[in-house]
């Protein structure tokens, strides 16, 4: 009977050992997974940080472009008041056609023409 009890205790001990090894293996697998997740998290954080920096640079460039465009538009709109209107140019054109300064002759030129 002592021998049966010894075998029983030995079998129970082996069962406990097997369970402990199984738990240790599960713990090792969980530890590896946790390390992998941590590494992925760090890589993702770094990548996201770089993307955010790039976006900030792009936003800054866009803001500079908008500022330049705004300045140009303000300058252009201030200059519009100094431009001649189409109607004014048409009036001046008609007056120039009526005047035709090229057809006028100077006195000196007319005397030369008479002398010829």
N, C-alpha and C. Protein backbone atom coordinates (compact mmCIF):
# COMPACT_ATOMS: atom_id res chain seq x y z
N UNK A 1 0.79 -1.17 0.00
CA UNK A 1 0.00 0.00 0.00
C UNK A 1 0.86 1.27 0.00
N UNK A 2 1.95 1.25 0.68
CA UNK A 2 2.87 2.38 0.70
C UNK A 2 3.42 2.62 -0.71
N UNK A 3 3.57 1.53 -1.42
CA UNK A 3 4.08 1.65 -2.78
C UNK A 3 3.03 2.34 -3.68
N UNK A 4 1.76 2.01 -3.51
CA UNK A 4 0.69 2.63 -4.29
C UNK A 4 0.58 4.10 -3.96
N UNK A 5 0.73 4.41 -2.68
CA UNK A 5 0.67 5.81 -2.27
C UNK A 5 1.86 6.58 -2.86
N UNK A 6 3.02 5.98 -2.91
CA UNK A 6 4.22 6.59 -3.49
C UNK A 6 4.03 6.86 -4.97
N UNK A 7 3.44 5.87 -5.68
CA UNK A 7 3.18 6.06 -7.11
C UNK A 7 2.14 7.17 -7.33
N UNK A 8 1.13 7.19 -6.46
CA UNK A 8 0.09 8.21 -6.58
C UNK A 8 0.68 9.60 -6.35
N UNK A 9 1.49 9.75 -5.32
CA UNK A 9 2.12 11.04 -5.00
C UNK A 9 3.05 11.44 -6.14
N UNK A 10 3.77 10.45 -6.67
CA UNK A 10 4.70 10.72 -7.77
C UNK A 10 3.93 11.18 -9.02
N UNK A 11 2.81 10.57 -9.31
CA UNK A 11 2.00 10.94 -10.47
C UNK A 11 1.41 12.35 -10.28
N UNK A 12 0.96 12.60 -9.07
CA UNK A 12 0.41 13.93 -8.79
C UNK A 12 1.50 15.00 -8.91
N UNK A 13 2.68 14.67 -8.42
CA UNK A 13 3.81 15.59 -8.50
C UNK A 13 4.18 15.85 -9.96
N UNK A 14 4.17 14.81 -10.77
CA UNK A 14 4.47 14.96 -12.20
C UNK A 14 3.38 15.79 -12.89
N UNK A 15 2.15 15.61 -12.50
CA UNK A 15 1.03 16.40 -13.06
C UNK A 15 1.18 17.87 -12.71
N UNK A 16 1.57 18.09 -11.44
CA UNK A 16 1.78 19.48 -11.02
C UNK A 16 2.95 20.08 -11.79
N UNK A 17 4.03 19.32 -11.97
CA UNK A 17 5.19 19.78 -12.73
C UNK A 17 4.79 20.14 -14.17
N UNK A 18 3.97 19.28 -14.77
CA UNK A 18 3.53 19.52 -16.15
C UNK A 18 2.71 20.81 -16.22
N UNK A 19 1.83 21.02 -15.26
CA UNK A 19 1.02 22.23 -15.23
C UNK A 19 1.90 23.47 -15.05
N UNK A 20 2.90 23.37 -14.16
CA UNK A 20 3.81 24.50 -13.92
C UNK A 20 4.56 24.83 -15.20
N UNK A 21 5.08 23.82 -15.91
CA UNK A 21 5.79 24.04 -17.17
C UNK A 21 4.86 24.70 -18.20
N UNK A 22 3.64 24.22 -18.25
CA UNK A 22 2.66 24.76 -19.19
C UNK A 22 2.39 26.24 -18.87
N UNK A 23 2.22 26.54 -17.58
CA UNK A 23 1.99 27.93 -17.17
C UNK A 23 3.21 28.80 -17.47
N UNK A 24 4.41 28.25 -17.23
CA UNK A 24 5.64 28.99 -17.52
C UNK A 24 5.74 29.28 -19.01
N UNK A 25 5.38 28.30 -19.85
CA UNK A 25 5.41 28.49 -21.31
C UNK A 25 4.40 29.56 -21.73
N UNK A 26 3.19 29.52 -21.17
CA UNK A 26 2.19 30.54 -21.47
C UNK A 26 2.68 31.91 -21.04
N UNK A 27 3.31 31.98 -19.87
CA UNK A 27 3.83 33.26 -19.37
C UNK A 27 4.94 33.78 -20.30
N UNK A 28 5.80 32.89 -20.77
CA UNK A 28 6.88 33.29 -21.69
C UNK A 28 6.29 33.83 -23.00
N UNK A 29 5.26 33.12 -23.52
CA UNK A 29 4.60 33.56 -24.76
C UNK A 29 3.96 34.93 -24.56
N UNK A 30 3.27 35.12 -23.43
CA UNK A 30 2.65 36.41 -23.14
C UNK A 30 3.70 37.52 -23.01
N UNK A 31 4.83 37.18 -22.39
CA UNK A 31 5.91 38.16 -22.25
C UNK A 31 6.45 38.55 -23.62
N UNK A 32 6.66 37.59 -24.52
CA UNK A 32 7.14 37.87 -25.88
C UNK A 32 6.13 38.74 -26.64
N UNK A 33 4.87 38.40 -26.50
CA UNK A 33 3.83 39.19 -27.18
C UNK A 33 3.80 40.62 -26.65
N UNK A 34 3.93 40.76 -25.34
CA UNK A 34 3.93 42.09 -24.73
C UNK A 34 5.11 42.92 -25.23
N UNK A 35 6.28 42.30 -25.33
CA UNK A 35 7.45 43.00 -25.86
C UNK A 35 7.23 43.42 -27.31
N UNK A 36 6.65 42.53 -28.10
CA UNK A 36 6.37 42.83 -29.51
C UNK A 36 5.38 43.98 -29.62
N UNK A 37 4.34 43.95 -28.80
CA UNK A 37 3.34 45.03 -28.81
C UNK A 37 4.01 46.35 -28.41
N UNK A 38 4.88 46.30 -27.41
CA UNK A 38 5.60 47.51 -26.99
C UNK A 38 6.46 48.08 -28.10
N UNK A 39 7.19 47.20 -28.80
CA UNK A 39 8.02 47.65 -29.92
C UNK A 39 7.17 48.27 -31.03
N UNK A 40 6.05 47.62 -31.35
CA UNK A 40 5.16 48.15 -32.39
C UNK A 40 4.59 49.51 -31.97
N UNK A 41 4.27 49.64 -30.70
CA UNK A 41 3.73 50.90 -30.19
C UNK A 41 4.77 52.01 -30.33
N UNK A 42 6.01 51.72 -30.00
CA UNK A 42 7.08 52.72 -30.12
C UNK A 42 7.28 53.11 -31.58
N UNK A 43 7.32 52.12 -32.49
CA UNK A 43 7.48 52.40 -33.92
C UNK A 43 6.32 53.25 -34.44
N UNK A 44 5.11 52.90 -34.03
CA UNK A 44 3.94 53.65 -34.47
C UNK A 44 3.99 55.09 -33.95
N UNK A 45 4.40 55.24 -32.70
CA UNK A 45 4.50 56.58 -32.10
C UNK A 45 5.52 57.41 -32.85
N UNK A 46 6.68 56.86 -33.16
CA UNK A 46 7.72 57.59 -33.88
C UNK A 46 7.25 57.97 -35.28
N UNK A 47 6.61 57.03 -35.96
CA UNK A 47 6.10 57.29 -37.31
C UNK A 47 5.04 58.40 -37.28
N UNK A 48 4.14 58.32 -36.32
CA UNK A 48 3.10 59.32 -36.19
C UNK A 48 3.70 60.69 -35.88
N UNK A 49 4.71 60.71 -35.03
CA UNK A 49 5.38 61.96 -34.67
C UNK A 49 6.02 62.59 -35.91
N UNK A 50 6.68 61.78 -36.73
CA UNK A 50 7.30 62.28 -37.97
C UNK A 50 6.24 62.83 -38.92
N UNK A 51 5.13 62.11 -39.04
CA UNK A 51 4.05 62.57 -39.92
C UNK A 51 3.47 63.89 -39.43
N UNK A 52 3.32 64.03 -38.12
CA UNK A 52 2.80 65.27 -37.55
C UNK A 52 3.76 66.42 -37.84
N UNK A 53 5.07 66.18 -37.71
CA UNK A 53 6.05 67.22 -38.01
C UNK A 53 5.97 67.63 -39.47
N UNK A 54 5.84 66.66 -40.37
CA UNK A 54 5.71 66.96 -41.80
C UNK A 54 4.45 67.78 -42.07
N UNK A 55 3.35 67.40 -41.43
CA UNK A 55 2.10 68.14 -41.61
C UNK A 55 2.23 69.57 -41.09
N UNK A 56 2.92 69.74 -39.96
CA UNK A 56 3.12 71.09 -39.43
C UNK A 56 3.93 71.94 -40.39
N UNK A 57 4.97 71.35 -41.00
CA UNK A 57 5.77 72.08 -41.98
C UNK A 57 4.91 72.48 -43.18
N UNK A 58 4.10 71.54 -43.67
CA UNK A 58 3.23 71.83 -44.81
C UNK A 58 2.23 72.93 -44.48
N UNK A 59 1.67 72.89 -43.28
CA UNK A 59 0.71 73.91 -42.86
C UNK A 59 1.41 75.27 -42.79
N UNK A 60 2.63 75.30 -42.29
CA UNK A 60 3.38 76.55 -42.22
C UNK A 60 3.64 77.11 -43.61
N UNK A 61 4.02 76.24 -44.56
CA UNK A 61 4.25 76.68 -45.93
C UNK A 61 2.95 77.21 -46.54
N UNK A 62 1.86 76.52 -46.30
CA UNK A 62 0.56 76.96 -46.82
C UNK A 62 0.19 78.31 -46.23
N UNK A 63 0.43 78.50 -44.94
CA UNK A 63 0.14 79.79 -44.31
C UNK A 63 0.98 80.90 -44.91
N UNK A 64 2.25 80.62 -45.19
CA UNK A 64 3.11 81.63 -45.82
C UNK A 64 2.59 81.98 -47.20
N UNK A 65 2.19 80.96 -47.96
CA UNK A 65 1.64 81.21 -49.30
C UNK A 65 0.36 82.04 -49.22
N UNK A 66 -0.49 81.74 -48.28
CA UNK A 66 -1.73 82.49 -48.12
C UNK A 66 -1.41 83.94 -47.75
N UNK A 67 -0.43 84.14 -46.88
CA UNK A 67 -0.04 85.50 -46.50
C UNK A 67 0.47 86.27 -47.71
N UNK A 68 1.32 85.61 -48.53
CA UNK A 68 1.83 86.27 -49.73
C UNK A 68 0.70 86.60 -50.70
N UNK A 69 -0.23 85.66 -50.88
CA UNK A 69 -1.35 85.90 -51.79
C UNK A 69 -2.21 87.06 -51.29
N UNK A 70 -2.45 87.08 -49.99
CA UNK A 70 -3.25 88.14 -49.39
C UNK A 70 -2.58 89.49 -49.62
N UNK A 71 -1.27 89.53 -49.40
CA UNK A 71 -0.53 90.77 -49.61
C UNK A 71 -0.61 91.21 -51.07
N UNK A 72 -0.44 90.26 -51.99
CA UNK A 72 -0.52 90.57 -53.42
C UNK A 72 -1.90 91.10 -53.77
N UNK A 73 -2.94 90.46 -53.28
CA UNK A 73 -4.30 90.90 -53.59
C UNK A 73 -4.58 92.28 -53.02
N UNK A 74 -4.07 92.56 -51.84
CA UNK A 74 -4.25 93.89 -51.26
C UNK A 74 -3.55 94.94 -52.11
N UNK A 75 -2.33 94.63 -52.55
CA UNK A 75 -1.59 95.56 -53.40
C UNK A 75 -2.31 95.76 -54.73
N UNK A 76 -2.75 94.66 -55.33
CA UNK A 76 -3.44 94.74 -56.62
C UNK A 76 -4.74 95.53 -56.50
N UNK A 77 -5.49 95.31 -55.44
CA UNK A 77 -6.75 96.03 -55.28
C UNK A 77 -6.50 97.52 -55.03
N UNK A 78 -5.39 97.85 -54.38
CA UNK A 78 -5.05 99.26 -54.17
C UNK A 78 -4.67 99.90 -55.50
N UNK A 79 -4.07 99.14 -56.40
CA UNK A 79 -3.65 99.67 -57.70
C UNK A 79 -4.83 99.84 -58.66
N UNK A 80 -5.91 99.13 -58.47
CA UNK A 80 -7.05 99.20 -59.38
C UNK A 80 -7.59 100.62 -59.50
N UNK A 81 -7.55 101.35 -58.42
CA UNK A 81 -8.09 102.71 -58.47
C UNK A 81 -7.26 103.61 -59.38
N UNK A 82 -6.02 103.24 -59.64
CA UNK A 82 -5.14 104.05 -60.47
C UNK A 82 -5.24 103.68 -61.96
N UNK A 83 -5.91 102.63 -62.28
CA UNK A 83 -6.05 102.21 -63.67
C UNK A 83 -7.13 103.04 -64.36
N UNK A 84 -6.95 103.20 -65.66
CA UNK A 84 -7.97 103.89 -66.45
C UNK A 84 -9.09 102.92 -66.80
N UNK A 85 -10.28 103.48 -66.84
CA UNK A 85 -11.42 102.65 -67.21
C UNK A 85 -11.47 102.51 -68.73
N UNK A 86 -12.14 101.52 -69.20
CA UNK A 86 -12.25 101.26 -70.63
C UNK A 86 -12.91 102.43 -71.35
N UNK A 87 -13.93 102.97 -70.73
CA UNK A 87 -14.64 104.09 -71.34
C UNK A 87 -13.71 105.29 -71.50
N UNK A 88 -12.89 105.55 -70.48
CA UNK A 88 -11.95 106.67 -70.55
C UNK A 88 -10.95 106.48 -71.69
N UNK A 89 -10.47 105.26 -71.84
CA UNK A 89 -9.53 104.99 -72.92
C UNK A 89 -10.18 105.16 -74.29
N UNK A 90 -11.42 104.78 -74.42
CA UNK A 90 -12.12 104.95 -75.69
C UNK A 90 -12.29 106.42 -76.03
N UNK A 91 -12.60 107.23 -75.04
CA UNK A 91 -12.75 108.68 -75.26
C UNK A 91 -11.43 109.28 -75.71
N UNK A 92 -10.34 108.91 -75.02
CA UNK A 92 -9.02 109.43 -75.39
C UNK A 92 -8.63 108.98 -76.79
N UNK A 93 -8.96 107.76 -77.13
CA UNK A 93 -8.65 107.24 -78.45
C UNK A 93 -9.40 108.04 -79.53
N UNK A 94 -10.66 108.34 -79.30
CA UNK A 94 -11.45 109.13 -80.26
C UNK A 94 -10.89 110.53 -80.40
N UNK A 95 -10.50 111.13 -79.27
CA UNK A 95 -9.92 112.48 -79.31
C UNK A 95 -8.61 112.47 -80.09
N UNK A 96 -7.79 111.46 -79.92
CA UNK A 96 -6.52 111.39 -80.63
C UNK A 96 -6.75 111.23 -82.12
N UNK A 97 -7.77 110.47 -82.49
CA UNK A 97 -8.08 110.30 -83.92
C UNK A 97 -8.56 111.61 -84.53
N UNK A 98 -9.33 112.39 -83.78
CA UNK A 98 -9.82 113.67 -84.28
C UNK A 98 -8.68 114.67 -84.42
N UNK A 99 -7.76 114.65 -83.51
CA UNK A 99 -6.67 115.60 -83.49
C UNK A 99 -5.65 115.30 -84.59
N UNK A 100 -5.26 114.08 -84.78
CA UNK A 100 -4.30 113.59 -85.77
C UNK A 100 -3.09 114.51 -85.88
N UNK A 101 -2.25 114.52 -84.87
CA UNK A 101 -1.11 115.45 -84.83
C UNK A 101 -0.11 115.20 -85.95
N UNK A 102 -0.08 114.05 -86.52
CA UNK A 102 0.89 113.78 -87.57
C UNK A 102 0.57 114.53 -88.86
N UNK A 103 -0.66 114.98 -89.02
CA UNK A 103 -1.05 115.70 -90.23
C UNK A 103 -0.73 117.19 -90.16
N UNK A 104 -0.41 117.67 -88.97
CA UNK A 104 -0.02 119.06 -88.85
C UNK A 104 1.40 119.25 -89.37
N UNK A 105 1.60 120.40 -89.98
CA UNK A 105 2.90 120.68 -90.55
C UNK A 105 3.48 121.90 -89.83
N UNK A 106 4.77 121.87 -89.56
CA UNK A 106 5.42 123.03 -88.93
C UNK A 106 5.63 124.11 -89.99
N UNK A 107 5.82 125.33 -89.51
CA UNK A 107 6.03 126.46 -90.43
C UNK A 107 7.27 126.25 -91.27
N UNK A 108 8.31 125.76 -90.62
CA UNK A 108 9.55 125.54 -91.34
C UNK A 108 9.34 124.53 -92.47
N UNK A 109 8.61 123.46 -92.16
CA UNK A 109 8.37 122.43 -93.16
C UNK A 109 7.47 122.96 -94.28
N UNK A 110 6.52 123.78 -93.93
CA UNK A 110 5.62 124.32 -94.98
C UNK A 110 6.38 125.27 -95.89
N UNK A 111 7.32 126.04 -95.34
CA UNK A 111 8.13 126.95 -96.16
C UNK A 111 9.02 126.15 -97.10
N UNK A 112 9.54 125.05 -96.59
CA UNK A 112 10.38 124.20 -97.44
C UNK A 112 9.55 123.62 -98.59
N UNK A 113 8.31 123.24 -98.27
CA UNK A 113 7.45 122.66 -99.30
C UNK A 113 7.10 123.73 -100.35
N UNK A 114 6.88 124.99 -99.92
CA UNK A 114 6.55 126.08 -100.84
C UNK A 114 7.73 126.39 -101.76
N UNK A 115 8.91 126.32 -101.20
CA UNK A 115 10.11 126.65 -101.96
C UNK A 115 10.43 125.60 -103.00
N UNK A 116 9.96 124.49 -102.87
CA UNK A 116 10.27 123.42 -103.83
C UNK A 116 9.57 123.58 -105.09
